[in-house]
Amino acid sequence: MLLFACASTQLVTEWRDKSYQGQQLNRFIVIGVIENTLYRRAYEDAIVDKFKENGLDAVASYTLISDLAAYDDEDKLKQAVKTTQADAVLVAKLIDYDESERYIPPNYDFNPYMGMGGGYYNSYHSAMYMTYSPGYIQKTTTIRIGSEVFSVDSEQLVWAAETKSFNPGSYQSVVNNLAEITITSLKKNGFVK
């Protein structure tokens, strides 16, 4: 996965179940549905760390279920949730990863401060103050990640969000920004303190 500088991660949309009457959520099991083991662990660890910084308890799912395919086994997943005594499950998955390239053509710019008055001699000098920018390829990377929180007691979806990262500097910056956005939104919507 190739990533670029100038990261910008933003919340695109969020939803909450307004009918949810359950308790505030205090202990999360964090599941990153990411095939790459390193990225999965980095995501889960960053979310767990950010939750703990905010006084919430969280457990990375990879510490309980190392094989991502095991999440298809409902009994194994329920056992992992039971083991952690979690009251919420946070699941995040990649919705879209797009890399695009655009050619920016060469450009000539005229520096207008020369050539104003002074006859033909200054006109010659104004031509000397033209600047040239060569053409280049502009690469753009966009990552969309969907996050969902389920209540363990009711097994219902209580919160969902989509984030979009534009030209992230690193995978870690995406994960850290996602963690911050998730915590902020869960607090704003009253799911956590």
N, C-alpha and C. Protein backbone atom coordinates (compact mmCIF):
# COMPACT_ATOMS: atom_id res chain seq x y z
N MET A 1 0.85 -1.17 0.00
CA MET A 1 0.00 0.00 0.00
C MET A 1 0.90 1.23 0.00
N LEU A 2 0.79 2.04 -1.03
CA LEU A 2 1.61 3.23 -1.16
C LEU A 2 0.85 4.42 -0.59
N LEU A 3 1.48 5.16 0.31
CA LEU A 3 0.82 6.29 0.94
C LEU A 3 1.67 7.54 0.76
N PHE A 4 1.02 8.70 0.78
CA PHE A 4 1.70 9.95 0.49
C PHE A 4 1.53 10.96 1.63
N ALA A 5 2.25 12.07 1.54
CA ALA A 5 2.23 13.10 2.58
C ALA A 5 0.98 13.98 2.50
N CYS A 6 0.82 14.86 3.46
CA CYS A 6 -0.29 15.83 3.55
C CYS A 6 -1.60 15.13 3.92
N ALA A 7 -1.60 14.43 5.02
CA ALA A 7 -2.77 13.66 5.43
C ALA A 7 -3.92 14.56 5.83
N SER A 8 -5.10 14.11 5.51
CA SER A 8 -6.32 14.78 5.92
C SER A 8 -7.38 13.70 6.06
N THR A 9 -7.82 13.43 7.29
CA THR A 9 -8.87 12.45 7.53
C THR A 9 -10.07 13.18 8.09
N GLN A 10 -11.22 12.89 7.53
CA GLN A 10 -12.43 13.56 8.00
C GLN A 10 -13.59 12.59 8.09
N LEU A 11 -14.53 12.93 8.96
CA LEU A 11 -15.75 12.16 9.10
C LEU A 11 -16.67 12.55 7.95
N VAL A 12 -17.04 11.58 7.13
CA VAL A 12 -17.89 11.85 5.98
C VAL A 12 -19.36 11.79 6.39
N THR A 13 -19.71 10.72 7.12
CA THR A 13 -21.09 10.57 7.57
C THR A 13 -21.10 9.70 8.82
N GLU A 14 -22.11 9.88 9.63
CA GLU A 14 -22.28 9.03 10.81
C GLU A 14 -23.77 8.80 11.04
N TRP A 15 -24.06 7.72 11.73
CA TRP A 15 -25.42 7.35 12.05
C TRP A 15 -25.42 6.79 13.46
N ARG A 16 -26.51 7.04 14.18
CA ARG A 16 -26.67 6.41 15.48
C ARG A 16 -28.11 5.93 15.61
N ASP A 17 -28.28 4.85 16.35
CA ASP A 17 -29.61 4.31 16.61
C ASP A 17 -30.23 5.13 17.73
N LYS A 18 -31.15 6.00 17.36
CA LYS A 18 -31.76 6.89 18.36
C LYS A 18 -32.67 6.14 19.32
N SER A 19 -33.04 4.92 18.96
CA SER A 19 -33.90 4.13 19.85
C SER A 19 -33.10 3.35 20.89
N TYR A 20 -31.78 3.36 20.77
CA TYR A 20 -30.94 2.61 21.72
C TYR A 20 -31.12 3.18 23.12
N GLN A 21 -31.55 2.33 24.04
CA GLN A 21 -31.80 2.74 25.42
C GLN A 21 -30.85 2.05 26.40
N GLY A 22 -29.87 1.36 25.88
CA GLY A 22 -28.95 0.62 26.73
C GLY A 22 -28.00 1.52 27.49
N GLN A 23 -27.15 0.88 28.27
CA GLN A 23 -26.18 1.59 29.09
C GLN A 23 -25.10 2.22 28.23
N GLN A 24 -24.34 3.14 28.85
CA GLN A 24 -23.16 3.65 28.16
C GLN A 24 -22.18 2.50 27.97
N LEU A 25 -21.42 2.56 26.92
CA LEU A 25 -20.50 1.49 26.59
C LEU A 25 -19.15 1.76 27.24
N ASN A 26 -18.60 0.75 27.90
CA ASN A 26 -17.37 0.94 28.67
C ASN A 26 -16.22 0.04 28.25
N ARG A 27 -16.53 -1.14 27.74
CA ARG A 27 -15.47 -2.09 27.39
C ARG A 27 -15.71 -2.59 25.97
N PHE A 28 -14.75 -2.33 25.10
CA PHE A 28 -14.87 -2.65 23.68
C PHE A 28 -13.92 -3.77 23.29
N ILE A 29 -14.37 -4.60 22.37
CA ILE A 29 -13.45 -5.47 21.65
C ILE A 29 -13.34 -4.83 20.26
N VAL A 30 -12.13 -4.61 19.81
CA VAL A 30 -11.86 -3.88 18.57
C VAL A 30 -11.45 -4.87 17.49
N ILE A 31 -12.20 -4.85 16.38
CA ILE A 31 -11.94 -5.77 15.28
C ILE A 31 -11.63 -4.97 14.01
N GLY A 32 -10.45 -5.15 13.50
CA GLY A 32 -10.08 -4.56 12.22
C GLY A 32 -10.16 -5.63 11.15
N VAL A 33 -11.10 -5.49 10.25
CA VAL A 33 -11.26 -6.48 9.17
C VAL A 33 -10.28 -6.09 8.06
N ILE A 34 -9.03 -6.48 8.28
CA ILE A 34 -7.93 -6.09 7.40
C ILE A 34 -7.10 -7.35 7.14
N GLU A 35 -6.92 -7.69 5.89
CA GLU A 35 -6.20 -8.93 5.55
C GLU A 35 -4.73 -8.88 5.96
N ASN A 36 -4.10 -7.74 5.80
CA ASN A 36 -2.70 -7.61 6.16
C ASN A 36 -2.58 -7.61 7.69
N THR A 37 -1.91 -8.61 8.23
CA THR A 37 -1.80 -8.78 9.69
C THR A 37 -1.16 -7.58 10.36
N LEU A 38 -0.12 -7.03 9.77
CA LEU A 38 0.56 -5.88 10.35
C LEU A 38 -0.38 -4.68 10.45
N TYR A 39 -1.10 -4.39 9.37
CA TYR A 39 -2.04 -3.27 9.38
C TYR A 39 -3.19 -3.51 10.36
N ARG A 40 -3.65 -4.74 10.41
CA ARG A 40 -4.73 -5.07 11.35
C ARG A 40 -4.28 -4.79 12.79
N ARG A 41 -3.10 -5.27 13.15
CA ARG A 41 -2.60 -5.07 14.51
C ARG A 41 -2.37 -3.60 14.80
N ALA A 42 -1.82 -2.87 13.83
CA ALA A 42 -1.58 -1.43 14.02
C ALA A 42 -2.89 -0.70 14.26
N TYR A 43 -3.92 -1.02 13.46
CA TYR A 43 -5.23 -0.40 13.64
C TYR A 43 -5.79 -0.71 15.02
N GLU A 44 -5.85 -1.98 15.36
CA GLU A 44 -6.45 -2.38 16.63
C GLU A 44 -5.69 -1.79 17.81
N ASP A 45 -4.36 -1.83 17.76
CA ASP A 45 -3.56 -1.26 18.86
C ASP A 45 -3.79 0.24 19.00
N ALA A 46 -3.85 0.96 17.89
CA ALA A 46 -4.06 2.41 17.95
C ALA A 46 -5.42 2.75 18.55
N ILE A 47 -6.44 2.02 18.14
CA ILE A 47 -7.78 2.26 18.69
C ILE A 47 -7.81 1.94 20.18
N VAL A 48 -7.25 0.81 20.55
CA VAL A 48 -7.21 0.41 21.97
C VAL A 48 -6.47 1.47 22.79
N ASP A 49 -5.32 1.92 22.31
CA ASP A 49 -4.55 2.95 23.02
C ASP A 49 -5.34 4.24 23.18
N LYS A 50 -6.01 4.67 22.11
CA LYS A 50 -6.79 5.91 22.15
C LYS A 50 -7.97 5.77 23.11
N PHE A 51 -8.62 4.61 23.11
CA PHE A 51 -9.72 4.38 24.04
C PHE A 51 -9.21 4.47 25.48
N LYS A 52 -8.07 3.82 25.74
CA LYS A 52 -7.52 3.83 27.10
C LYS A 52 -7.11 5.23 27.52
N GLU A 53 -6.57 6.04 26.60
CA GLU A 53 -6.24 7.44 26.90
C GLU A 53 -7.48 8.21 27.32
N ASN A 54 -8.63 7.78 26.85
CA ASN A 54 -9.89 8.46 27.16
C ASN A 54 -10.69 7.76 28.26
N GLY A 55 -10.02 6.91 29.03
CA GLY A 55 -10.66 6.29 30.18
C GLY A 55 -11.58 5.13 29.86
N LEU A 56 -11.49 4.59 28.66
CA LEU A 56 -12.32 3.45 28.28
C LEU A 56 -11.46 2.21 28.22
N ASP A 57 -12.09 1.07 28.40
CA ASP A 57 -11.36 -0.19 28.34
C ASP A 57 -11.59 -0.80 26.96
N ALA A 58 -10.55 -1.36 26.39
CA ALA A 58 -10.67 -1.97 25.07
C ALA A 58 -9.64 -3.07 24.93
N VAL A 59 -9.98 -4.05 24.09
CA VAL A 59 -9.10 -5.19 23.83
C VAL A 59 -8.99 -5.36 22.32
N ALA A 60 -7.77 -5.55 21.85
CA ALA A 60 -7.55 -5.83 20.43
C ALA A 60 -7.95 -7.27 20.15
N SER A 61 -8.75 -7.48 19.12
CA SER A 61 -9.25 -8.83 18.83
C SER A 61 -8.14 -9.79 18.43
N TYR A 62 -7.07 -9.29 17.84
CA TYR A 62 -6.00 -10.20 17.40
C TYR A 62 -5.35 -10.92 18.58
N THR A 63 -5.50 -10.39 19.79
CA THR A 63 -4.95 -11.06 20.97
C THR A 63 -5.77 -12.29 21.34
N LEU A 64 -6.98 -12.39 20.80
CA LEU A 64 -7.87 -13.51 21.08
C LEU A 64 -8.07 -14.42 19.88
N ILE A 65 -8.15 -13.81 18.71
CA ILE A 65 -8.38 -14.56 17.48
C ILE A 65 -7.34 -14.08 16.47
N SER A 66 -6.34 -14.90 16.24
CA SER A 66 -5.26 -14.46 15.35
C SER A 66 -5.63 -14.59 13.87
N ASP A 67 -6.47 -15.55 13.54
CA ASP A 67 -6.83 -15.81 12.15
C ASP A 67 -8.09 -15.04 11.79
N LEU A 68 -7.98 -14.13 10.83
CA LEU A 68 -9.11 -13.32 10.42
C LEU A 68 -10.28 -14.17 9.92
N ALA A 69 -10.01 -15.31 9.32
CA ALA A 69 -11.07 -16.18 8.81
C ALA A 69 -11.94 -16.72 9.94
N ALA A 70 -11.41 -16.76 11.16
CA ALA A 70 -12.18 -17.27 12.30
C ALA A 70 -13.37 -16.36 12.64
N TYR A 71 -13.36 -15.12 12.15
CA TYR A 71 -14.49 -14.23 12.42
C TYR A 71 -15.75 -14.69 11.72
N ASP A 72 -15.59 -15.57 10.74
CA ASP A 72 -16.77 -16.13 10.08
C ASP A 72 -17.45 -17.17 10.96
N ASP A 73 -16.77 -17.62 11.99
CA ASP A 73 -17.32 -18.59 12.94
C ASP A 73 -17.97 -17.82 14.09
N GLU A 74 -19.29 -17.76 14.06
CA GLU A 74 -20.03 -16.97 15.05
C GLU A 74 -19.74 -17.41 16.48
N ASP A 75 -19.62 -18.73 16.70
CA ASP A 75 -19.35 -19.23 18.05
C ASP A 75 -18.00 -18.75 18.57
N LYS A 76 -16.97 -18.78 17.72
CA LYS A 76 -15.64 -18.32 18.15
C LYS A 76 -15.67 -16.83 18.48
N LEU A 77 -16.37 -16.08 17.67
CA LEU A 77 -16.45 -14.64 17.90
C LEU A 77 -17.20 -14.34 19.20
N LYS A 78 -18.31 -15.02 19.41
CA LYS A 78 -19.07 -14.81 20.65
C LYS A 78 -18.25 -15.22 21.87
N GLN A 79 -17.47 -16.28 21.74
CA GLN A 79 -16.62 -16.71 22.85
C GLN A 79 -15.55 -15.65 23.16
N ALA A 80 -14.98 -15.07 22.11
CA ALA A 80 -13.97 -14.01 22.31
C ALA A 80 -14.58 -12.81 23.01
N VAL A 81 -15.78 -12.43 22.60
CA VAL A 81 -16.47 -11.30 23.24
C VAL A 81 -16.76 -11.63 24.69
N LYS A 82 -17.23 -12.85 24.95
CA LYS A 82 -17.53 -13.27 26.32
C LYS A 82 -16.27 -13.27 27.18
N THR A 83 -15.16 -13.75 26.63
CA THR A 83 -13.89 -13.80 27.36
C THR A 83 -13.46 -12.42 27.83
N THR A 84 -13.67 -11.41 26.98
CA THR A 84 -13.24 -10.05 27.31
C THR A 84 -14.24 -9.32 28.20
N GLN A 85 -15.42 -9.87 28.35
CA GLN A 85 -16.52 -9.22 29.08
C GLN A 85 -16.83 -7.85 28.47
N ALA A 86 -16.68 -7.76 27.16
CA ALA A 86 -16.96 -6.51 26.45
C ALA A 86 -18.46 -6.26 26.41
N ASP A 87 -18.83 -4.98 26.45
CA ASP A 87 -20.23 -4.63 26.27
C ASP A 87 -20.47 -4.00 24.89
N ALA A 88 -19.38 -3.88 24.10
CA ALA A 88 -19.50 -3.32 22.76
C ALA A 88 -18.44 -3.93 21.84
N VAL A 89 -18.79 -4.01 20.58
CA VAL A 89 -17.86 -4.49 19.56
C VAL A 89 -17.72 -3.39 18.52
N LEU A 90 -16.47 -2.97 18.29
CA LEU A 90 -16.17 -1.98 17.26
C LEU A 90 -15.53 -2.72 16.08
N VAL A 91 -16.16 -2.62 14.92
CA VAL A 91 -15.66 -3.28 13.72
C VAL A 91 -15.34 -2.20 12.69
N ALA A 92 -14.14 -2.27 12.12
CA ALA A 92 -13.76 -1.33 11.06
C ALA A 92 -13.29 -2.11 9.85
N LYS A 93 -13.66 -1.60 8.68
CA LYS A 93 -13.25 -2.28 7.45
C LYS A 93 -13.01 -1.25 6.35
N LEU A 94 -12.15 -1.62 5.44
CA LEU A 94 -11.84 -0.79 4.29
C LEU A 94 -13.01 -0.82 3.33
N ILE A 95 -13.53 0.35 2.99
CA ILE A 95 -14.61 0.44 2.01
C ILE A 95 -14.05 0.65 0.61
N ASP A 96 -13.05 1.53 0.52
CA ASP A 96 -12.48 1.83 -0.79
C ASP A 96 -11.07 2.36 -0.63
N TYR A 97 -10.21 1.96 -1.56
CA TYR A 97 -8.84 2.46 -1.63
C TYR A 97 -8.61 2.84 -3.08
N ASP A 98 -8.35 4.12 -3.32
CA ASP A 98 -8.21 4.58 -4.70
C ASP A 98 -6.91 5.37 -4.86
N GLU A 99 -6.14 4.96 -5.85
CA GLU A 99 -4.95 5.71 -6.24
C GLU A 99 -5.17 6.20 -7.66
N SER A 100 -4.98 7.48 -7.87
CA SER A 100 -5.14 8.02 -9.21
C SER A 100 -3.96 8.91 -9.55
N GLU A 101 -3.73 9.06 -10.83
CA GLU A 101 -2.66 9.92 -11.32
C GLU A 101 -3.25 10.90 -12.32
N ARG A 102 -2.71 12.11 -12.28
CA ARG A 102 -3.16 13.15 -13.20
C ARG A 102 -1.93 13.89 -13.71
N TYR A 103 -1.88 14.07 -15.00
CA TYR A 103 -0.74 14.79 -15.59
C TYR A 103 -1.00 16.29 -15.52
N ILE A 104 -0.07 17.00 -14.95
CA ILE A 104 -0.12 18.46 -14.90
C ILE A 104 0.86 18.95 -15.98
N PRO A 105 0.35 19.63 -17.02
CA PRO A 105 1.22 20.03 -18.13
C PRO A 105 2.21 21.13 -17.73
N PRO A 106 3.26 21.31 -18.55
CA PRO A 106 4.22 22.38 -18.27
C PRO A 106 3.54 23.74 -18.33
N ASN A 107 4.15 24.70 -17.67
CA ASN A 107 3.54 26.02 -17.58
C ASN A 107 4.62 27.09 -17.69
N TYR A 108 4.32 28.14 -18.47
CA TYR A 108 5.18 29.32 -18.55
C TYR A 108 4.47 30.46 -17.85
N ASP A 109 5.15 31.13 -16.96
CA ASP A 109 4.58 32.29 -16.27
C ASP A 109 5.42 33.51 -16.57
N PHE A 110 4.76 34.62 -16.78
CA PHE A 110 5.42 35.89 -17.05
C PHE A 110 5.48 36.67 -15.75
N ASN A 111 6.66 37.18 -15.43
CA ASN A 111 6.82 37.99 -14.24
C ASN A 111 6.61 39.44 -14.66
N PRO A 112 5.46 40.04 -14.32
CA PRO A 112 5.07 41.32 -14.89
C PRO A 112 5.78 42.55 -14.31
N TYR A 113 6.65 42.38 -13.31
CA TYR A 113 7.21 43.59 -12.71
C TYR A 113 8.19 44.28 -13.65
N MET A 114 8.72 43.59 -14.64
CA MET A 114 9.62 44.19 -15.62
C MET A 114 8.83 44.59 -16.86
N GLY A 115 9.37 45.47 -17.63
CA GLY A 115 8.77 45.84 -18.90
C GLY A 115 7.74 46.95 -18.80
N MET A 116 7.56 47.50 -17.64
CA MET A 116 6.60 48.58 -17.49
C MET A 116 7.34 49.90 -17.73
N GLY A 117 7.18 50.44 -18.89
CA GLY A 117 7.85 51.71 -19.23
C GLY A 117 9.29 51.48 -19.62
N GLY A 118 9.97 52.52 -20.05
CA GLY A 118 11.38 52.43 -20.38
C GLY A 118 11.65 51.97 -21.80
N GLY A 119 10.63 51.86 -22.63
CA GLY A 119 10.85 51.56 -24.03
C GLY A 119 11.19 50.10 -24.31
N TYR A 120 11.77 49.91 -25.50
CA TYR A 120 12.03 48.54 -25.98
C TYR A 120 13.06 47.80 -25.14
N TYR A 121 13.97 48.50 -24.48
CA TYR A 121 15.01 47.82 -23.70
C TYR A 121 14.39 47.03 -22.54
N ASN A 122 13.45 47.63 -21.81
CA ASN A 122 12.79 46.93 -20.70
C ASN A 122 11.90 45.80 -21.20
N SER A 123 11.39 45.91 -22.41
CA SER A 123 10.60 44.81 -22.97
C SER A 123 11.47 43.57 -23.14
N TYR A 124 12.72 43.79 -23.53
CA TYR A 124 13.66 42.68 -23.65
C TYR A 124 13.87 42.01 -22.29
N HIS A 125 14.05 42.81 -21.25
CA HIS A 125 14.28 42.26 -19.92
C HIS A 125 13.06 41.49 -19.39
N SER A 126 11.86 41.95 -19.74
CA SER A 126 10.67 41.24 -19.25
C SER A 126 10.62 39.82 -19.78
N ALA A 127 11.10 39.60 -20.99
CA ALA A 127 11.14 38.25 -21.53
C ALA A 127 12.12 37.37 -20.76
N MET A 128 13.12 37.99 -20.18
CA MET A 128 14.11 37.25 -19.40
C MET A 128 13.53 36.78 -18.07
N TYR A 129 12.42 37.34 -17.66
CA TYR A 129 11.84 37.01 -16.36
C TYR A 129 10.60 36.13 -16.49
N MET A 130 10.61 35.29 -17.46
CA MET A 130 9.56 34.28 -17.57
C MET A 130 10.05 33.05 -16.81
N THR A 131 9.12 32.38 -16.17
CA THR A 131 9.48 31.17 -15.43
C THR A 131 8.80 29.97 -16.09
N TYR A 132 9.47 28.86 -16.01
CA TYR A 132 8.98 27.63 -16.61
C TYR A 132 8.84 26.58 -15.52
N SER A 133 7.68 25.94 -15.48
CA SER A 133 7.45 24.81 -14.58
C SER A 133 7.26 23.57 -15.45
N PRO A 134 8.07 22.56 -15.27
CA PRO A 134 7.93 21.36 -16.11
C PRO A 134 6.65 20.60 -15.76
N GLY A 135 6.18 19.80 -16.68
CA GLY A 135 5.03 18.95 -16.41
C GLY A 135 5.40 17.87 -15.40
N TYR A 136 4.39 17.37 -14.71
CA TYR A 136 4.63 16.33 -13.71
C TYR A 136 3.37 15.50 -13.50
N ILE A 137 3.54 14.39 -12.83
CA ILE A 137 2.42 13.51 -12.49
C ILE A 137 2.03 13.77 -11.04
N GLN A 138 0.76 14.09 -10.83
CA GLN A 138 0.25 14.30 -9.47
C GLN A 138 -0.48 13.03 -9.04
N LYS A 139 -0.01 12.42 -7.96
CA LYS A 139 -0.63 11.19 -7.46
C LYS A 139 -1.55 11.54 -6.29
N THR A 140 -2.71 10.91 -6.29
CA THR A 140 -3.70 11.14 -5.24
C THR A 140 -4.13 9.79 -4.68
N THR A 141 -4.18 9.69 -3.37
CA THR A 141 -4.65 8.48 -2.70
C THR A 141 -5.83 8.85 -1.81
N THR A 142 -6.91 8.09 -1.93
CA THR A 142 -8.08 8.29 -1.09
C THR A 142 -8.45 6.96 -0.45
N ILE A 143 -8.65 6.99 0.87
CA ILE A 143 -9.01 5.78 1.62
C ILE A 143 -10.32 6.06 2.35
N ARG A 144 -11.30 5.18 2.17
CA ARG A 144 -12.57 5.28 2.90
C ARG A 144 -12.68 4.07 3.83
N ILE A 145 -12.95 4.35 5.10
CA ILE A 145 -13.06 3.29 6.11
C ILE A 145 -14.41 3.40 6.79
N GLY A 146 -15.08 2.27 6.92
CA GLY A 146 -16.35 2.20 7.63
C GLY A 146 -16.14 1.61 9.01
N SER A 147 -16.77 2.21 10.00
CA SER A 147 -16.68 1.73 11.39
C SER A 147 -18.09 1.53 11.93
N GLU A 148 -18.26 0.45 12.69
CA GLU A 148 -19.57 0.14 13.28
C GLU A 148 -19.38 -0.28 14.73
N VAL A 149 -20.32 0.13 15.58
CA VAL A 149 -20.31 -0.29 16.98
C VAL A 149 -21.61 -1.05 17.24
N PHE A 150 -21.45 -2.24 17.82
CA PHE A 150 -22.58 -3.08 18.18
C PHE A 150 -22.65 -3.20 19.69
N SER A 151 -23.86 -3.18 20.23
CA SER A 151 -24.06 -3.46 21.65
C SER A 151 -24.05 -4.98 21.81
N VAL A 152 -23.28 -5.47 22.78
CA VAL A 152 -23.21 -6.92 23.00
C VAL A 152 -24.54 -7.42 23.56
N ASP A 153 -25.14 -6.68 24.49
CA ASP A 153 -26.40 -7.13 25.11
C ASP A 153 -27.51 -7.31 24.08
N SER A 154 -27.73 -6.31 23.25
CA SER A 154 -28.83 -6.37 22.29
C SER A 154 -28.41 -6.94 20.93
N GLU A 155 -27.11 -7.06 20.71
CA GLU A 155 -26.55 -7.50 19.43
C GLU A 155 -27.01 -6.61 18.28
N GLN A 156 -27.31 -5.36 18.58
CA GLN A 156 -27.76 -4.45 17.54
C GLN A 156 -26.70 -3.41 17.22
N LEU A 157 -26.74 -2.95 15.98
CA LEU A 157 -25.87 -1.87 15.54
C LEU A 157 -26.37 -0.58 16.19
N VAL A 158 -25.48 0.11 16.91
CA VAL A 158 -25.91 1.34 17.58
C VAL A 158 -25.26 2.59 17.00
N TRP A 159 -24.15 2.41 16.27
CA TRP A 159 -23.44 3.56 15.69
C TRP A 159 -22.67 3.10 14.47
N ALA A 160 -22.63 3.94 13.45
CA ALA A 160 -21.84 3.65 12.26
C ALA A 160 -21.31 4.96 11.69
N ALA A 161 -20.15 4.88 11.09
CA ALA A 161 -19.55 6.08 10.50
C ALA A 161 -18.67 5.69 9.32
N GLU A 162 -18.45 6.68 8.47
CA GLU A 162 -17.51 6.52 7.37
C GLU A 162 -16.54 7.68 7.41
N THR A 163 -15.26 7.35 7.29
CA THR A 163 -14.23 8.38 7.23
C THR A 163 -13.53 8.31 5.88
N LYS A 164 -12.96 9.44 5.52
CA LYS A 164 -12.23 9.52 4.25
C LYS A 164 -10.88 10.18 4.53
N SER A 165 -9.82 9.53 4.08
CA SER A 165 -8.47 10.07 4.22
C SER A 165 -7.94 10.41 2.84
N PHE A 166 -7.43 11.63 2.71
CA PHE A 166 -6.93 12.11 1.43
C PHE A 166 -5.42 12.28 1.52
N ASN A 167 -4.69 11.57 0.69
CA ASN A 167 -3.23 11.61 0.66
C ASN A 167 -2.60 11.44 2.04
N PRO A 168 -2.89 10.33 2.71
CA PRO A 168 -2.31 10.13 4.04
C PRO A 168 -0.80 9.96 3.98
N GLY A 169 -0.13 10.47 5.00
CA GLY A 169 1.32 10.38 5.07
C GLY A 169 1.81 8.99 5.42
N SER A 170 1.01 8.27 6.19
CA SER A 170 1.38 6.91 6.58
C SER A 170 0.13 6.18 7.03
N TYR A 171 0.24 4.89 7.09
CA TYR A 171 -0.87 4.09 7.60
C TYR A 171 -1.17 4.48 9.04
N GLN A 172 -0.11 4.69 9.82
CA GLN A 172 -0.28 5.03 11.23
C GLN A 172 -1.03 6.35 11.40
N SER A 173 -0.78 7.33 10.53
CA SER A 173 -1.50 8.60 10.66
C SER A 173 -2.99 8.41 10.38
N VAL A 174 -3.32 7.55 9.41
CA VAL A 174 -4.73 7.26 9.14
C VAL A 174 -5.38 6.63 10.37
N VAL A 175 -4.71 5.65 10.94
CA VAL A 175 -5.24 4.93 12.10
C VAL A 175 -5.40 5.88 13.29
N ASN A 176 -4.41 6.70 13.56
CA ASN A 176 -4.50 7.64 14.69
C ASN A 176 -5.64 8.64 14.50
N ASN A 177 -5.78 9.17 13.28
CA ASN A 177 -6.88 10.10 13.01
C ASN A 177 -8.23 9.40 13.13
N LEU A 178 -8.31 8.17 12.63
CA LEU A 178 -9.55 7.41 12.73
C LEU A 178 -9.93 7.16 14.18
N ALA A 179 -8.95 6.83 15.00
CA ALA A 179 -9.21 6.60 16.43
C ALA A 179 -9.76 7.86 17.08
N GLU A 180 -9.15 8.99 16.79
CA GLU A 180 -9.60 10.26 17.37
C GLU A 180 -11.02 10.61 16.93
N ILE A 181 -11.30 10.43 15.65
CA ILE A 181 -12.64 10.71 15.13
C ILE A 181 -13.67 9.79 15.76
N THR A 182 -13.34 8.51 15.91
CA THR A 182 -14.26 7.54 16.50
C THR A 182 -14.60 7.91 17.93
N ILE A 183 -13.59 8.18 18.75
CA ILE A 183 -13.82 8.55 20.15
C ILE A 183 -14.67 9.81 20.24
N THR A 184 -14.32 10.82 19.46
CA THR A 184 -15.05 12.09 19.50
C THR A 184 -16.52 11.89 19.16
N SER A 185 -16.79 11.11 18.13
CA SER A 185 -18.17 10.87 17.71
C SER A 185 -18.94 10.05 18.74
N LEU A 186 -18.30 9.02 19.29
CA LEU A 186 -18.98 8.20 20.31
C LEU A 186 -19.31 9.04 21.55
N LYS A 187 -18.42 9.95 21.92
CA LYS A 187 -18.69 10.85 23.06
C LYS A 187 -19.84 11.79 22.72
N LYS A 188 -19.76 12.40 21.55
CA LYS A 188 -20.78 13.36 21.12
C LYS A 188 -22.17 12.72 21.10
N ASN A 189 -22.23 11.45 20.73
CA ASN A 189 -23.52 10.76 20.62
C ASN A 189 -23.94 10.06 21.91
N GLY A 190 -23.16 10.24 22.99
CA GLY A 190 -23.55 9.74 24.30
C GLY A 190 -23.30 8.26 24.55
N PHE A 191 -22.52 7.61 23.70
CA PHE A 191 -22.26 6.18 23.90
C PHE A 191 -21.16 5.93 24.92
N VAL A 192 -20.25 6.87 25.07
CA VAL A 192 -19.17 6.76 26.04
C VAL A 192 -19.04 8.08 26.79
N LYS A 193 -18.36 8.00 27.95
CA LYS A 193 -18.15 9.22 28.76
C LYS A 193 -17.05 10.06 28.19
